[in-house]
């Protein structure tokens, strides 16, 4: 099984995720030494049709720390990015505390 790529959204422009949750998740990821990609704002990337968004979402299994799956999926579709439910897991930082988000991101079991 391929290793999951971790993508962290800082939700810089919408500011809908609690600042302390975002900071704790980012700090914990940084301290683990695991490779991850941090992006300023997935919504902005989708609005700008940033080709990096398509690359991030289409290269193997992805664990994504962001907000609601339906929102991220809709943004990707609207910007022409292919979405594969079998390869993308969204961990919702609006509904899950920082510890739960980090645990879900670092869990190497198959996507559910």
N, C-alpha and C. Protein backbone atom coordinates (compact mmCIF):
# COMPACT_ATOMS: atom_id res chain seq x y z
N UNK A 1 0.84 -1.19 0.00
CA UNK A 1 0.00 0.00 0.00
C UNK A 1 0.88 1.25 0.00
N UNK A 2 0.51 2.23 -0.79
CA UNK A 2 1.27 3.48 -0.87
C UNK A 2 1.13 4.27 0.43
N UNK A 3 2.19 4.99 0.76
CA UNK A 3 2.15 5.84 1.94
C UNK A 3 1.26 7.04 1.66
N UNK A 4 0.52 7.46 2.69
CA UNK A 4 -0.36 8.62 2.54
C UNK A 4 0.43 9.91 2.52
N UNK A 5 0.03 10.79 1.66
CA UNK A 5 0.58 12.14 1.63
C UNK A 5 -0.30 12.97 2.57
N UNK A 6 0.32 13.79 3.40
CA UNK A 6 -0.42 14.64 4.31
C UNK A 6 -0.41 16.07 3.77
N UNK A 7 -1.61 16.66 3.71
CA UNK A 7 -1.76 18.04 3.28
C UNK A 7 -2.50 18.78 4.40
N UNK A 8 -1.93 19.91 4.81
CA UNK A 8 -2.49 20.73 5.87
C UNK A 8 -2.95 22.07 5.28
N UNK A 9 -4.22 22.41 5.49
CA UNK A 9 -4.75 23.70 5.03
C UNK A 9 -4.79 24.66 6.21
N UNK A 10 -4.17 25.81 6.06
CA UNK A 10 -4.14 26.81 7.13
C UNK A 10 -5.41 27.68 7.17
N UNK A 11 -6.26 27.54 6.18
CA UNK A 11 -7.52 28.29 6.15
C UNK A 11 -7.26 29.78 6.45
N UNK A 12 -6.30 30.32 5.75
CA UNK A 12 -5.83 31.68 6.02
C UNK A 12 -6.88 32.75 5.74
N UNK A 13 -7.63 32.62 4.68
CA UNK A 13 -8.53 33.69 4.27
C UNK A 13 -9.94 33.56 4.84
N UNK A 14 -10.48 32.36 4.92
CA UNK A 14 -11.83 32.19 5.44
C UNK A 14 -11.86 32.27 6.96
N UNK A 15 -10.81 31.82 7.59
CA UNK A 15 -10.69 31.87 9.06
C UNK A 15 -11.86 31.19 9.75
N UNK A 16 -12.24 30.02 9.27
CA UNK A 16 -13.37 29.30 9.88
C UNK A 16 -12.90 28.21 10.85
N UNK A 17 -11.61 27.98 10.91
CA UNK A 17 -11.06 26.99 11.82
C UNK A 17 -10.39 27.73 12.97
N UNK A 18 -10.65 27.26 14.18
CA UNK A 18 -10.09 27.92 15.37
C UNK A 18 -8.57 28.02 15.26
N UNK A 19 -8.05 29.19 15.56
CA UNK A 19 -6.62 29.46 15.45
C UNK A 19 -5.80 28.50 16.31
N UNK A 20 -6.25 28.22 17.53
CA UNK A 20 -5.49 27.34 18.41
C UNK A 20 -5.43 25.91 17.88
N UNK A 21 -6.49 25.46 17.21
CA UNK A 21 -6.50 24.12 16.63
C UNK A 21 -5.50 24.07 15.47
N UNK A 22 -5.57 25.06 14.59
CA UNK A 22 -4.65 25.10 13.45
C UNK A 22 -3.19 25.12 13.92
N UNK A 23 -2.91 25.96 14.88
CA UNK A 23 -1.53 26.08 15.37
C UNK A 23 -1.05 24.79 16.02
N UNK A 24 -1.91 24.16 16.81
CA UNK A 24 -1.52 22.92 17.48
C UNK A 24 -1.27 21.79 16.48
N UNK A 25 -2.11 21.70 15.46
CA UNK A 25 -1.93 20.67 14.44
C UNK A 25 -0.63 20.91 13.67
N UNK A 26 -0.40 22.13 13.25
CA UNK A 26 0.80 22.46 12.50
C UNK A 26 2.06 22.21 13.34
N UNK A 27 2.02 22.60 14.59
CA UNK A 27 3.17 22.38 15.47
C UNK A 27 3.43 20.88 15.68
N UNK A 28 2.38 20.12 15.92
CA UNK A 28 2.54 18.69 16.13
C UNK A 28 3.10 18.00 14.89
N UNK A 29 2.60 18.37 13.72
CA UNK A 29 3.12 17.80 12.48
C UNK A 29 4.60 18.14 12.31
N UNK A 30 4.95 19.37 12.59
CA UNK A 30 6.34 19.81 12.45
C UNK A 30 7.25 19.05 13.40
N UNK A 31 6.77 18.79 14.60
CA UNK A 31 7.59 18.11 15.60
C UNK A 31 7.77 16.62 15.32
N UNK A 32 6.86 16.01 14.57
CA UNK A 32 6.98 14.58 14.30
C UNK A 32 8.07 14.27 13.28
N UNK A 33 8.38 15.24 12.45
CA UNK A 33 9.37 15.00 11.41
C UNK A 33 8.80 14.31 10.18
N UNK A 34 7.50 14.03 10.18
CA UNK A 34 6.86 13.40 9.03
C UNK A 34 6.72 14.45 7.91
N UNK A 35 6.86 14.00 6.68
CA UNK A 35 6.72 14.91 5.54
C UNK A 35 5.25 15.30 5.37
N UNK A 36 5.02 16.59 5.15
CA UNK A 36 3.67 17.06 4.86
C UNK A 36 3.77 18.34 4.04
N UNK A 37 2.67 18.67 3.39
CA UNK A 37 2.59 19.90 2.61
C UNK A 37 1.59 20.82 3.29
N UNK A 38 2.02 22.03 3.60
CA UNK A 38 1.13 23.03 4.18
C UNK A 38 0.77 24.03 3.09
N UNK A 39 -0.52 24.29 2.94
CA UNK A 39 -0.97 25.29 1.98
C UNK A 39 -1.71 26.40 2.73
N UNK A 40 -1.61 27.63 2.24
CA UNK A 40 -2.26 28.73 2.95
C UNK A 40 -3.78 28.57 3.01
N UNK A 41 -4.41 28.22 1.87
CA UNK A 41 -5.86 28.16 1.84
C UNK A 41 -6.33 27.38 0.61
N UNK A 42 -6.94 26.22 0.83
CA UNK A 42 -7.43 25.40 -0.29
C UNK A 42 -8.54 26.11 -1.06
N UNK A 43 -9.37 26.87 -0.36
CA UNK A 43 -10.44 27.61 -1.03
C UNK A 43 -9.86 28.59 -2.06
N UNK A 44 -8.84 29.31 -1.64
CA UNK A 44 -8.19 30.27 -2.54
C UNK A 44 -7.54 29.54 -3.71
N UNK A 45 -6.90 28.42 -3.43
CA UNK A 45 -6.27 27.64 -4.51
C UNK A 45 -7.32 27.21 -5.53
N UNK A 46 -8.47 26.76 -5.04
CA UNK A 46 -9.54 26.33 -5.94
C UNK A 46 -10.09 27.52 -6.73
N UNK A 47 -10.29 28.64 -6.07
CA UNK A 47 -10.82 29.83 -6.74
C UNK A 47 -9.88 30.31 -7.84
N UNK A 48 -8.58 30.19 -7.61
CA UNK A 48 -7.58 30.62 -8.58
C UNK A 48 -7.24 29.53 -9.61
N UNK A 49 -7.89 28.36 -9.45
CA UNK A 49 -7.60 27.20 -10.31
C UNK A 49 -6.09 26.91 -10.33
N UNK A 50 -5.51 26.96 -9.15
CA UNK A 50 -4.07 26.72 -8.97
C UNK A 50 -3.74 25.29 -9.38
N UNK A 51 -2.84 25.07 -10.33
CA UNK A 51 -2.49 23.72 -10.77
C UNK A 51 -1.88 22.87 -9.65
N UNK A 52 -1.35 23.50 -8.64
CA UNK A 52 -0.79 22.77 -7.49
C UNK A 52 -1.88 21.99 -6.76
N UNK A 53 -3.09 22.51 -6.73
CA UNK A 53 -4.21 21.82 -6.09
C UNK A 53 -4.47 20.49 -6.79
N UNK A 54 -4.50 20.51 -8.11
CA UNK A 54 -4.72 19.27 -8.86
C UNK A 54 -3.59 18.28 -8.60
N UNK A 55 -2.36 18.75 -8.55
CA UNK A 55 -1.23 17.87 -8.29
C UNK A 55 -1.34 17.24 -6.91
N UNK A 56 -1.67 18.04 -5.92
CA UNK A 56 -1.79 17.53 -4.55
C UNK A 56 -2.88 16.48 -4.41
N UNK A 57 -4.00 16.69 -5.06
CA UNK A 57 -5.15 15.79 -4.91
C UNK A 57 -5.08 14.55 -5.79
N UNK A 58 -4.18 14.54 -6.77
CA UNK A 58 -4.19 13.43 -7.72
C UNK A 58 -2.99 12.50 -7.62
N UNK A 59 -2.12 12.73 -6.69
CA UNK A 59 -0.91 11.90 -6.61
C UNK A 59 -0.93 11.00 -5.39
N UNK A 60 -1.70 9.92 -5.51
CA UNK A 60 -1.71 8.91 -4.46
C UNK A 60 -2.64 9.21 -3.32
N UNK A 61 -2.67 8.34 -2.34
CA UNK A 61 -3.57 8.56 -1.20
C UNK A 61 -3.19 9.83 -0.45
N UNK A 62 -4.23 10.62 -0.09
CA UNK A 62 -4.02 11.89 0.59
C UNK A 62 -4.83 11.91 1.88
N UNK A 63 -4.20 12.38 2.94
CA UNK A 63 -4.90 12.70 4.17
C UNK A 63 -4.83 14.22 4.28
N UNK A 64 -5.98 14.83 4.36
CA UNK A 64 -6.09 16.28 4.25
C UNK A 64 -6.68 16.87 5.53
N UNK A 65 -5.92 17.72 6.21
CA UNK A 65 -6.42 18.45 7.37
C UNK A 65 -7.02 19.75 6.86
N UNK A 66 -8.34 19.86 6.94
CA UNK A 66 -9.02 21.03 6.39
C UNK A 66 -10.32 21.25 7.16
N UNK A 67 -11.40 21.54 6.44
CA UNK A 67 -12.69 21.71 7.08
C UNK A 67 -13.61 20.57 6.63
N UNK A 68 -14.80 20.88 6.17
CA UNK A 68 -15.75 19.84 5.79
C UNK A 68 -15.38 19.19 4.46
N UNK A 69 -15.48 17.89 4.42
CA UNK A 69 -15.17 17.14 3.19
C UNK A 69 -16.03 17.64 2.03
N UNK A 70 -17.30 17.84 2.28
CA UNK A 70 -18.20 18.27 1.19
C UNK A 70 -17.76 19.61 0.61
N UNK A 71 -17.24 20.50 1.45
CA UNK A 71 -16.79 21.81 0.98
C UNK A 71 -15.53 21.66 0.12
N UNK A 72 -14.56 20.90 0.62
CA UNK A 72 -13.31 20.72 -0.12
C UNK A 72 -13.57 19.99 -1.44
N UNK A 73 -14.41 18.97 -1.38
CA UNK A 73 -14.75 18.20 -2.58
C UNK A 73 -15.44 19.09 -3.61
N UNK A 74 -16.39 19.91 -3.16
CA UNK A 74 -17.10 20.82 -4.05
C UNK A 74 -16.18 21.85 -4.69
N UNK A 75 -15.26 22.39 -3.89
CA UNK A 75 -14.29 23.35 -4.42
C UNK A 75 -13.40 22.71 -5.47
N UNK A 76 -12.97 21.50 -5.20
CA UNK A 76 -12.12 20.80 -6.18
C UNK A 76 -12.89 20.58 -7.48
N UNK A 77 -14.11 20.09 -7.37
CA UNK A 77 -14.92 19.86 -8.58
C UNK A 77 -15.13 21.16 -9.36
N UNK A 78 -15.43 22.24 -8.65
CA UNK A 78 -15.69 23.50 -9.34
C UNK A 78 -14.46 24.07 -10.03
N UNK A 79 -13.28 23.66 -9.56
CA UNK A 79 -12.06 24.16 -10.21
C UNK A 79 -11.48 23.14 -11.18
N UNK A 80 -12.23 22.06 -11.44
CA UNK A 80 -11.80 21.08 -12.42
C UNK A 80 -10.84 20.03 -11.90
N UNK A 81 -10.68 19.93 -10.59
CA UNK A 81 -9.77 18.96 -9.99
C UNK A 81 -10.50 17.64 -9.79
N UNK A 82 -9.91 16.57 -10.27
CA UNK A 82 -10.49 15.24 -10.11
C UNK A 82 -10.42 14.82 -8.64
N UNK A 83 -11.52 14.28 -8.14
CA UNK A 83 -11.62 13.85 -6.74
C UNK A 83 -11.91 12.36 -6.72
N UNK A 84 -11.10 11.61 -6.01
CA UNK A 84 -11.31 10.17 -5.88
C UNK A 84 -11.53 9.85 -4.40
N UNK A 85 -12.77 9.52 -4.04
CA UNK A 85 -13.10 9.24 -2.64
C UNK A 85 -12.25 8.12 -2.05
N UNK A 86 -11.78 7.20 -2.88
CA UNK A 86 -10.96 6.09 -2.38
C UNK A 86 -9.56 6.54 -1.99
N UNK A 87 -9.12 7.68 -2.50
CA UNK A 87 -7.74 8.13 -2.26
C UNK A 87 -7.63 9.37 -1.39
N UNK A 88 -8.76 9.99 -1.03
CA UNK A 88 -8.69 11.24 -0.27
C UNK A 88 -9.51 11.12 1.00
N UNK A 89 -8.86 11.35 2.13
CA UNK A 89 -9.53 11.37 3.42
C UNK A 89 -9.39 12.79 3.98
N UNK A 90 -10.50 13.38 4.37
CA UNK A 90 -10.49 14.72 4.93
C UNK A 90 -10.72 14.62 6.44
N UNK A 91 -9.80 15.18 7.19
CA UNK A 91 -9.95 15.27 8.64
C UNK A 91 -10.39 16.69 8.94
N UNK A 92 -11.57 16.82 9.52
CA UNK A 92 -12.22 18.10 9.71
C UNK A 92 -11.71 18.79 10.97
N UNK A 93 -10.95 19.86 10.81
CA UNK A 93 -10.42 20.60 11.95
C UNK A 93 -11.47 21.49 12.62
N UNK A 94 -12.65 21.61 12.02
CA UNK A 94 -13.74 22.37 12.66
C UNK A 94 -14.46 21.51 13.68
N UNK A 95 -14.46 20.19 13.47
CA UNK A 95 -15.22 19.30 14.34
C UNK A 95 -14.36 18.38 15.19
N UNK A 96 -13.06 18.35 14.95
CA UNK A 96 -12.17 17.45 15.66
C UNK A 96 -11.10 18.29 16.36
N UNK A 97 -10.79 17.93 17.60
CA UNK A 97 -9.76 18.69 18.31
C UNK A 97 -8.39 18.38 17.71
N UNK A 98 -7.42 19.20 18.06
CA UNK A 98 -6.08 19.09 17.46
C UNK A 98 -5.48 17.71 17.66
N UNK A 99 -5.62 17.16 18.85
CA UNK A 99 -5.06 15.82 19.11
C UNK A 99 -5.69 14.77 18.20
N UNK A 100 -7.00 14.85 18.03
CA UNK A 100 -7.70 13.91 17.15
C UNK A 100 -7.28 14.06 15.69
N UNK A 101 -7.08 15.30 15.26
CA UNK A 101 -6.65 15.56 13.88
C UNK A 101 -5.27 14.94 13.64
N UNK A 102 -4.34 15.22 14.54
CA UNK A 102 -2.98 14.70 14.38
C UNK A 102 -2.99 13.18 14.40
N UNK A 103 -3.73 12.60 15.31
CA UNK A 103 -3.81 11.13 15.38
C UNK A 103 -4.34 10.55 14.06
N UNK A 104 -5.38 11.17 13.52
CA UNK A 104 -5.95 10.69 12.25
C UNK A 104 -4.97 10.87 11.10
N UNK A 105 -4.22 11.97 11.09
CA UNK A 105 -3.26 12.22 10.02
C UNK A 105 -2.11 11.22 10.06
N UNK A 106 -1.68 10.86 11.24
CA UNK A 106 -0.51 9.99 11.37
C UNK A 106 -0.85 8.51 11.37
N UNK A 107 -2.12 8.18 11.48
CA UNK A 107 -2.56 6.79 11.43
C UNK A 107 -2.29 6.25 10.03
N UNK A 108 -1.57 5.16 9.96
CA UNK A 108 -1.18 4.62 8.65
C UNK A 108 -2.12 3.56 8.13
N UNK A 109 -3.23 3.32 8.82
CA UNK A 109 -4.19 2.32 8.33
C UNK A 109 -4.85 2.82 7.05
N UNK A 110 -5.51 1.90 6.37
CA UNK A 110 -6.16 2.23 5.11
C UNK A 110 -7.21 3.31 5.32
N UNK A 111 -7.46 4.07 4.29
CA UNK A 111 -8.49 5.10 4.33
C UNK A 111 -9.84 4.47 4.58
N UNK A 112 -10.65 5.18 5.33
CA UNK A 112 -12.01 4.67 5.58
C UNK A 112 -13.03 5.51 4.87
